[in-house]
């Protein structure tokens, strides 16, 4: 497993204009993301002016390999503060867990083919 730090200069995507910094753990064998731990360093808008994600919002993503270098979410934690349409503040503190993944039988998206 490799551990990499990322900073606003590296994680900024010009189309989205948001700033995040944190740590990214990557599997050495197939380069899947094992863990992501990021924090918003500069507030940014989503959907023009529909919502604004505030500085200090935090996300943690854990993924697991289900075979053949296919990585799927295991746990997603989000602690975020947003302002919606300049009118309402919304605070979110959620942990989502995922489990019991099964291969899709004979579908175009099946990883077992």
N, C-alpha and C. Protein backbone atom coordinates (compact mmCIF):
# COMPACT_ATOMS: atom_id res chain seq x y z
N UNK A 1 0.84 -1.17 0.00
CA UNK A 1 0.00 0.00 0.00
C UNK A 1 0.89 1.23 0.00
N UNK A 2 0.57 2.17 -0.86
CA UNK A 2 1.25 3.46 -0.88
C UNK A 2 0.36 4.51 -0.24
N UNK A 3 0.97 5.44 0.46
CA UNK A 3 0.24 6.54 1.07
C UNK A 3 0.72 7.82 0.40
N UNK A 4 -0.21 8.60 -0.12
CA UNK A 4 0.14 9.84 -0.79
C UNK A 4 -0.62 10.99 -0.15
N UNK A 5 0.05 12.11 -0.01
CA UNK A 5 -0.62 13.34 0.41
C UNK A 5 -1.04 14.07 -0.83
N UNK A 6 -2.19 14.68 -0.80
CA UNK A 6 -2.57 15.55 -1.91
C UNK A 6 -2.93 16.91 -1.35
N UNK A 7 -2.69 17.90 -2.15
CA UNK A 7 -2.90 19.27 -1.71
C UNK A 7 -3.69 20.00 -2.77
N UNK A 8 -4.15 21.21 -2.48
CA UNK A 8 -4.99 21.92 -3.45
C UNK A 8 -4.41 22.00 -4.85
N UNK A 9 -3.12 22.16 -4.99
CA UNK A 9 -2.52 22.25 -6.31
C UNK A 9 -2.66 20.96 -7.10
N UNK A 10 -2.66 19.83 -6.41
CA UNK A 10 -2.74 18.54 -7.08
C UNK A 10 -4.17 18.06 -7.25
N UNK A 11 -5.06 18.39 -6.32
CA UNK A 11 -6.42 17.84 -6.35
C UNK A 11 -7.41 18.75 -7.05
N UNK A 12 -7.01 19.93 -7.46
CA UNK A 12 -7.95 20.85 -8.10
C UNK A 12 -8.26 20.38 -9.51
N UNK A 13 -9.53 20.35 -9.82
CA UNK A 13 -9.96 20.01 -11.17
C UNK A 13 -10.53 21.29 -11.76
N UNK A 14 -9.92 21.83 -12.84
CA UNK A 14 -10.30 23.14 -13.34
C UNK A 14 -11.79 23.33 -13.60
N UNK A 15 -12.51 22.31 -14.03
CA UNK A 15 -13.93 22.47 -14.32
C UNK A 15 -14.76 22.69 -13.06
N UNK A 16 -14.32 22.16 -11.93
CA UNK A 16 -15.12 22.22 -10.71
C UNK A 16 -14.67 23.32 -9.77
N UNK A 17 -13.45 23.74 -9.82
CA UNK A 17 -12.92 24.81 -8.98
C UNK A 17 -13.14 24.57 -7.50
N UNK A 18 -12.75 23.41 -7.01
CA UNK A 18 -12.81 23.21 -5.57
C UNK A 18 -11.45 22.80 -5.06
N UNK A 19 -11.23 23.06 -3.79
CA UNK A 19 -9.92 22.80 -3.18
C UNK A 19 -10.09 21.79 -2.05
N UNK A 20 -9.35 20.70 -2.14
CA UNK A 20 -9.39 19.64 -1.14
C UNK A 20 -7.96 19.22 -0.85
N UNK A 21 -7.68 18.90 0.41
CA UNK A 21 -6.38 18.33 0.73
C UNK A 21 -6.60 17.17 1.69
N UNK A 22 -5.65 16.25 1.71
CA UNK A 22 -5.77 15.10 2.59
C UNK A 22 -4.81 14.00 2.22
N UNK A 23 -5.25 12.77 2.46
CA UNK A 23 -4.41 11.60 2.21
C UNK A 23 -5.16 10.59 1.35
N UNK A 24 -4.40 9.88 0.52
CA UNK A 24 -4.93 8.87 -0.38
C UNK A 24 -4.06 7.63 -0.26
N UNK A 25 -4.68 6.50 0.11
CA UNK A 25 -3.97 5.22 0.19
C UNK A 25 -4.28 4.44 -1.08
N UNK A 26 -3.23 3.96 -1.78
CA UNK A 26 -3.39 3.28 -3.06
C UNK A 26 -2.77 1.89 -2.98
N UNK A 27 -3.48 0.90 -3.50
CA UNK A 27 -2.98 -0.47 -3.54
C UNK A 27 -1.81 -0.55 -4.53
N UNK A 28 -0.70 -1.15 -4.11
CA UNK A 28 0.51 -1.23 -4.96
C UNK A 28 0.31 -2.15 -6.16
N UNK A 29 -0.53 -3.15 -6.01
CA UNK A 29 -0.66 -4.15 -7.07
C UNK A 29 -1.54 -3.65 -8.23
N UNK A 30 -2.73 -3.18 -7.94
CA UNK A 30 -3.63 -2.78 -9.03
C UNK A 30 -4.07 -1.31 -8.97
N UNK A 31 -3.43 -0.54 -8.09
CA UNK A 31 -3.63 0.91 -8.01
C UNK A 31 -5.04 1.34 -7.63
N UNK A 32 -5.80 0.45 -6.99
CA UNK A 32 -7.13 0.82 -6.49
C UNK A 32 -7.00 1.73 -5.28
N UNK A 33 -7.95 2.61 -5.11
CA UNK A 33 -7.96 3.49 -3.94
C UNK A 33 -8.47 2.70 -2.74
N UNK A 34 -7.66 2.56 -1.70
CA UNK A 34 -8.06 1.84 -0.50
C UNK A 34 -8.80 2.77 0.45
N UNK A 35 -8.22 3.92 0.72
CA UNK A 35 -8.82 4.93 1.60
C UNK A 35 -8.56 6.32 1.03
N UNK A 36 -9.52 7.21 1.26
CA UNK A 36 -9.37 8.62 0.94
C UNK A 36 -9.84 9.39 2.16
N UNK A 37 -9.05 10.35 2.59
CA UNK A 37 -9.40 11.19 3.72
C UNK A 37 -9.13 12.63 3.30
N UNK A 38 -10.18 13.40 3.04
CA UNK A 38 -10.00 14.74 2.51
C UNK A 38 -10.79 15.79 3.25
N UNK A 39 -10.29 17.00 3.19
CA UNK A 39 -10.94 18.14 3.83
C UNK A 39 -10.94 19.32 2.87
N UNK A 40 -12.07 20.02 2.81
CA UNK A 40 -12.20 21.19 1.94
C UNK A 40 -11.40 22.34 2.54
N UNK A 41 -10.48 22.89 1.75
CA UNK A 41 -9.63 23.99 2.23
C UNK A 41 -10.14 25.36 1.78
N UNK A 42 -11.03 25.37 0.80
CA UNK A 42 -11.60 26.62 0.31
C UNK A 42 -13.04 26.33 -0.14
N UNK A 43 -13.98 27.12 0.33
CA UNK A 43 -15.39 26.92 -0.04
C UNK A 43 -15.54 26.92 -1.56
N UNK A 44 -16.51 26.13 -2.06
CA UNK A 44 -16.77 26.10 -3.50
C UNK A 44 -18.27 25.93 -3.76
N UNK A 45 -18.70 26.38 -4.92
CA UNK A 45 -20.11 26.30 -5.31
C UNK A 45 -20.35 25.08 -6.19
N UNK A 46 -21.56 24.55 -6.08
CA UNK A 46 -21.99 23.43 -6.91
C UNK A 46 -23.27 23.87 -7.64
N UNK A 47 -23.38 23.53 -8.91
CA UNK A 47 -24.58 23.89 -9.67
C UNK A 47 -24.77 25.38 -9.78
N UNK A 48 -23.74 26.06 -10.23
CA UNK A 48 -23.69 27.51 -10.30
C UNK A 48 -23.82 28.11 -8.91
N UNK A 49 -25.02 28.44 -8.46
CA UNK A 49 -25.17 29.01 -7.12
C UNK A 49 -26.19 28.24 -6.28
N UNK A 50 -26.50 27.01 -6.66
CA UNK A 50 -27.50 26.23 -5.94
C UNK A 50 -27.02 25.90 -4.52
N UNK A 51 -25.79 25.46 -4.38
CA UNK A 51 -25.25 25.11 -3.06
C UNK A 51 -23.79 25.51 -2.98
N UNK A 52 -23.37 25.85 -1.78
CA UNK A 52 -21.97 26.21 -1.53
C UNK A 52 -21.46 25.34 -0.40
N UNK A 53 -20.43 24.53 -0.67
CA UNK A 53 -19.81 23.67 0.34
C UNK A 53 -18.79 24.50 1.10
N UNK A 54 -18.91 24.49 2.42
CA UNK A 54 -18.10 25.36 3.26
C UNK A 54 -16.72 24.77 3.58
N UNK A 55 -15.79 25.66 3.83
CA UNK A 55 -14.44 25.32 4.29
C UNK A 55 -14.53 24.43 5.54
N UNK A 56 -13.71 23.39 5.61
CA UNK A 56 -13.69 22.50 6.76
C UNK A 56 -14.54 21.25 6.60
N UNK A 57 -15.35 21.18 5.54
CA UNK A 57 -16.12 19.96 5.30
C UNK A 57 -15.15 18.80 5.10
N UNK A 58 -15.56 17.59 5.48
CA UNK A 58 -14.63 16.46 5.55
C UNK A 58 -15.28 15.22 4.95
N UNK A 59 -14.50 14.42 4.21
CA UNK A 59 -15.00 13.17 3.64
C UNK A 59 -13.97 12.07 3.86
N UNK A 60 -14.47 10.89 4.19
CA UNK A 60 -13.63 9.70 4.33
C UNK A 60 -14.28 8.60 3.49
N UNK A 61 -13.51 7.98 2.61
CA UNK A 61 -13.99 6.90 1.77
C UNK A 61 -13.09 5.70 1.96
N UNK A 62 -13.68 4.55 2.28
CA UNK A 62 -12.94 3.29 2.34
C UNK A 62 -13.49 2.39 1.25
N UNK A 63 -12.58 1.75 0.51
CA UNK A 63 -13.00 0.84 -0.54
C UNK A 63 -12.41 -0.54 -0.29
N UNK A 64 -13.03 -1.54 -0.90
CA UNK A 64 -12.55 -2.91 -0.78
C UNK A 64 -12.50 -3.55 -2.17
N UNK A 65 -11.58 -4.47 -2.35
CA UNK A 65 -11.43 -5.16 -3.64
C UNK A 65 -12.31 -6.40 -3.63
N UNK A 66 -13.15 -6.53 -4.65
CA UNK A 66 -14.03 -7.70 -4.75
C UNK A 66 -13.54 -8.68 -5.80
N UNK A 67 -12.31 -8.53 -6.24
CA UNK A 67 -11.72 -9.45 -7.20
C UNK A 67 -11.45 -8.79 -8.54
N UNK A 68 -10.46 -9.31 -9.23
CA UNK A 68 -10.09 -8.83 -10.56
C UNK A 68 -9.89 -7.31 -10.60
N UNK A 69 -9.26 -6.77 -9.56
CA UNK A 69 -8.94 -5.35 -9.48
C UNK A 69 -10.17 -4.45 -9.54
N UNK A 70 -11.30 -4.95 -9.06
CA UNK A 70 -12.53 -4.16 -9.00
C UNK A 70 -12.69 -3.66 -7.57
N UNK A 71 -12.64 -2.35 -7.40
CA UNK A 71 -12.75 -1.72 -6.09
C UNK A 71 -14.12 -1.10 -5.94
N UNK A 72 -14.77 -1.38 -4.80
CA UNK A 72 -16.12 -0.86 -4.54
C UNK A 72 -16.14 -0.20 -3.16
N UNK A 73 -17.06 0.73 -2.95
CA UNK A 73 -17.13 1.41 -1.65
C UNK A 73 -17.46 0.44 -0.53
N UNK A 74 -16.80 0.64 0.61
CA UNK A 74 -17.08 -0.12 1.82
C UNK A 74 -17.73 0.79 2.86
N UNK A 75 -17.23 2.00 2.96
CA UNK A 75 -17.75 2.97 3.93
C UNK A 75 -17.50 4.38 3.41
N UNK A 76 -18.48 5.24 3.58
CA UNK A 76 -18.36 6.63 3.19
C UNK A 76 -18.83 7.49 4.34
N UNK A 77 -17.96 8.35 4.82
CA UNK A 77 -18.31 9.26 5.90
C UNK A 77 -18.21 10.69 5.41
N UNK A 78 -19.26 11.47 5.64
CA UNK A 78 -19.30 12.86 5.19
C UNK A 78 -19.73 13.75 6.35
N UNK A 79 -18.94 14.76 6.62
CA UNK A 79 -19.31 15.82 7.56
C UNK A 79 -19.16 17.12 6.77
N UNK A 80 -20.30 17.69 6.42
CA UNK A 80 -20.25 18.86 5.54
C UNK A 80 -21.22 19.94 5.99
N UNK A 81 -20.84 21.15 5.68
CA UNK A 81 -21.67 22.33 5.92
C UNK A 81 -21.90 22.98 4.57
N UNK A 82 -23.17 23.21 4.23
CA UNK A 82 -23.48 23.84 2.95
C UNK A 82 -24.47 24.98 3.16
N UNK A 83 -24.50 25.85 2.19
CA UNK A 83 -25.49 26.93 2.16
C UNK A 83 -26.24 26.77 0.84
N UNK A 84 -27.55 26.64 0.93
CA UNK A 84 -28.36 26.36 -0.25
C UNK A 84 -29.11 27.62 -0.69
N UNK A 85 -28.91 27.98 -1.95
CA UNK A 85 -29.55 29.15 -2.57
C UNK A 85 -29.42 30.41 -1.73
N UNK A 86 -28.31 30.58 -1.05
CA UNK A 86 -28.03 31.74 -0.21
C UNK A 86 -29.05 31.94 0.91
N UNK A 87 -29.93 30.96 1.12
CA UNK A 87 -31.01 31.14 2.08
C UNK A 87 -30.91 30.25 3.30
N UNK A 88 -30.49 29.04 3.14
CA UNK A 88 -30.58 28.07 4.22
C UNK A 88 -29.24 27.35 4.41
N UNK A 89 -28.82 27.22 5.65
CA UNK A 89 -27.64 26.42 5.98
C UNK A 89 -28.08 24.99 6.21
N UNK A 90 -27.25 24.06 5.75
CA UNK A 90 -27.54 22.64 5.92
C UNK A 90 -26.28 21.95 6.40
N UNK A 91 -26.36 21.31 7.56
CA UNK A 91 -25.23 20.55 8.09
C UNK A 91 -25.51 19.07 7.93
N UNK A 92 -24.52 18.34 7.44
CA UNK A 92 -24.68 16.92 7.18
C UNK A 92 -23.59 16.16 7.92
N UNK A 93 -23.98 15.12 8.60
CA UNK A 93 -23.03 14.23 9.27
C UNK A 93 -23.54 12.81 9.06
N UNK A 94 -23.03 12.13 8.05
CA UNK A 94 -23.54 10.82 7.66
C UNK A 94 -22.41 9.81 7.51
N UNK A 95 -22.72 8.56 7.86
CA UNK A 95 -21.83 7.44 7.58
C UNK A 95 -22.66 6.41 6.83
N UNK A 96 -22.24 6.07 5.63
CA UNK A 96 -22.91 5.07 4.81
C UNK A 96 -22.01 3.85 4.71
N UNK A 97 -22.56 2.68 4.94
CA UNK A 97 -21.77 1.45 4.80
C UNK A 97 -22.38 0.59 3.70
N UNK A 98 -21.52 -0.11 3.01
CA UNK A 98 -21.92 -0.96 1.90
C UNK A 98 -21.38 -2.36 2.15
N UNK A 99 -22.17 -3.37 1.81
CA UNK A 99 -21.72 -4.75 2.02
C UNK A 99 -22.51 -5.69 1.11
N UNK A 100 -22.17 -6.96 1.20
CA UNK A 100 -22.86 -8.03 0.46
C UNK A 100 -22.85 -7.82 -1.05
N UNK A 101 -21.71 -7.43 -1.58
CA UNK A 101 -21.59 -7.28 -3.03
C UNK A 101 -21.64 -8.66 -3.68
N UNK A 102 -22.39 -8.73 -4.77
CA UNK A 102 -22.47 -9.98 -5.53
C UNK A 102 -22.27 -9.65 -7.00
N UNK A 103 -21.64 -10.54 -7.74
CA UNK A 103 -21.46 -10.26 -9.18
C UNK A 103 -22.81 -10.24 -9.89
N UNK A 104 -22.94 -9.35 -10.84
CA UNK A 104 -24.16 -9.28 -11.65
C UNK A 104 -24.12 -10.40 -12.66
N UNK A 105 -25.13 -11.23 -12.64
CA UNK A 105 -25.17 -12.40 -13.52
C UNK A 105 -25.54 -12.00 -14.94
N UNK A 106 -24.65 -12.29 -15.87
CA UNK A 106 -24.90 -12.10 -17.31
C UNK A 106 -25.46 -10.72 -17.67
N UNK A 107 -24.87 -9.68 -17.12
CA UNK A 107 -25.28 -8.34 -17.52
C UNK A 107 -24.11 -7.67 -18.21
N UNK A 108 -24.36 -6.62 -18.96
CA UNK A 108 -23.24 -5.94 -19.64
C UNK A 108 -22.25 -5.33 -18.67
N UNK A 109 -22.64 -5.16 -17.39
CA UNK A 109 -21.76 -4.54 -16.41
C UNK A 109 -21.13 -5.58 -15.48
N UNK A 110 -21.29 -6.85 -15.77
CA UNK A 110 -20.77 -7.90 -14.92
C UNK A 110 -19.24 -7.92 -14.97
N UNK A 111 -18.61 -8.03 -13.79
CA UNK A 111 -17.16 -8.09 -13.73
C UNK A 111 -16.66 -9.53 -13.79
N UNK A 112 -17.58 -10.49 -13.81
CA UNK A 112 -17.18 -11.89 -13.80
C UNK A 112 -16.93 -12.44 -15.19
N UNK A 113 -17.17 -11.66 -16.23
CA UNK A 113 -16.96 -12.14 -17.61
C UNK A 113 -15.49 -12.12 -17.96
